[in-house]
Amino acid sequence: MAEEKDKEKEKDMSKEYEALRKKYGLPELKELDKEFCIGKLEDVPFLLRSVLGKITERLDIMFKNISEVIQPSENSLVNMYEAESFSDDEKKKIFELMKRMAYYYRELIIRDVDYTDDSAAAAINQFYNEWKNMKKDVLKVLEKLRDSWKSEANSKLESGYFG
């Protein structure tokens, strides 16, 4: 019985999002879920605020992963090792990517604090469109971070240098 009520609420929230999607030209919910792990829409008074929050959480995770390349934590051998695999030119490009990500991260937070459906929808649309361009650059960085563990790089860390 409770499970049926949950499914009904989920359908209602999906219908509510669909109405907002049509009104504001938002991306399909399936597409947002694929990109930002929206998950089940909660029964909340301001549905787009909930979507903003999920997008912001996901962007924060990506931002933190990438920012460690530019400023690795001295307490993390993993971050220091991975950062060594990027050239200065690559780090400059990553910094430019970080600036774009930081702008949207702050914009999404502002739209949450000063919430209206109109401004939330505009922020979601703007970021989603920009994300389509940013995603390939984010993936390149993440793939290089992953691949740094396969390389036979001459790391200062591997040769016993820790300072």
Foldseek 3Di string as FASTA:
>chain_A
DVVVVVVVVLVVLQVVVVVLCVVLVFDRPVVLCVVQVLDGQDPDPQRLLSSLVSNLVRLVVLLVVLVLLVPPDLVDPLSLLLNVLDDPVLSVVSVVLSVVSVVLSVLSVVCSVVDDSNSSSVSNVVVVVVCVVSVVVSVVSVVSSVCSVVDPDPDCVVVPNSD
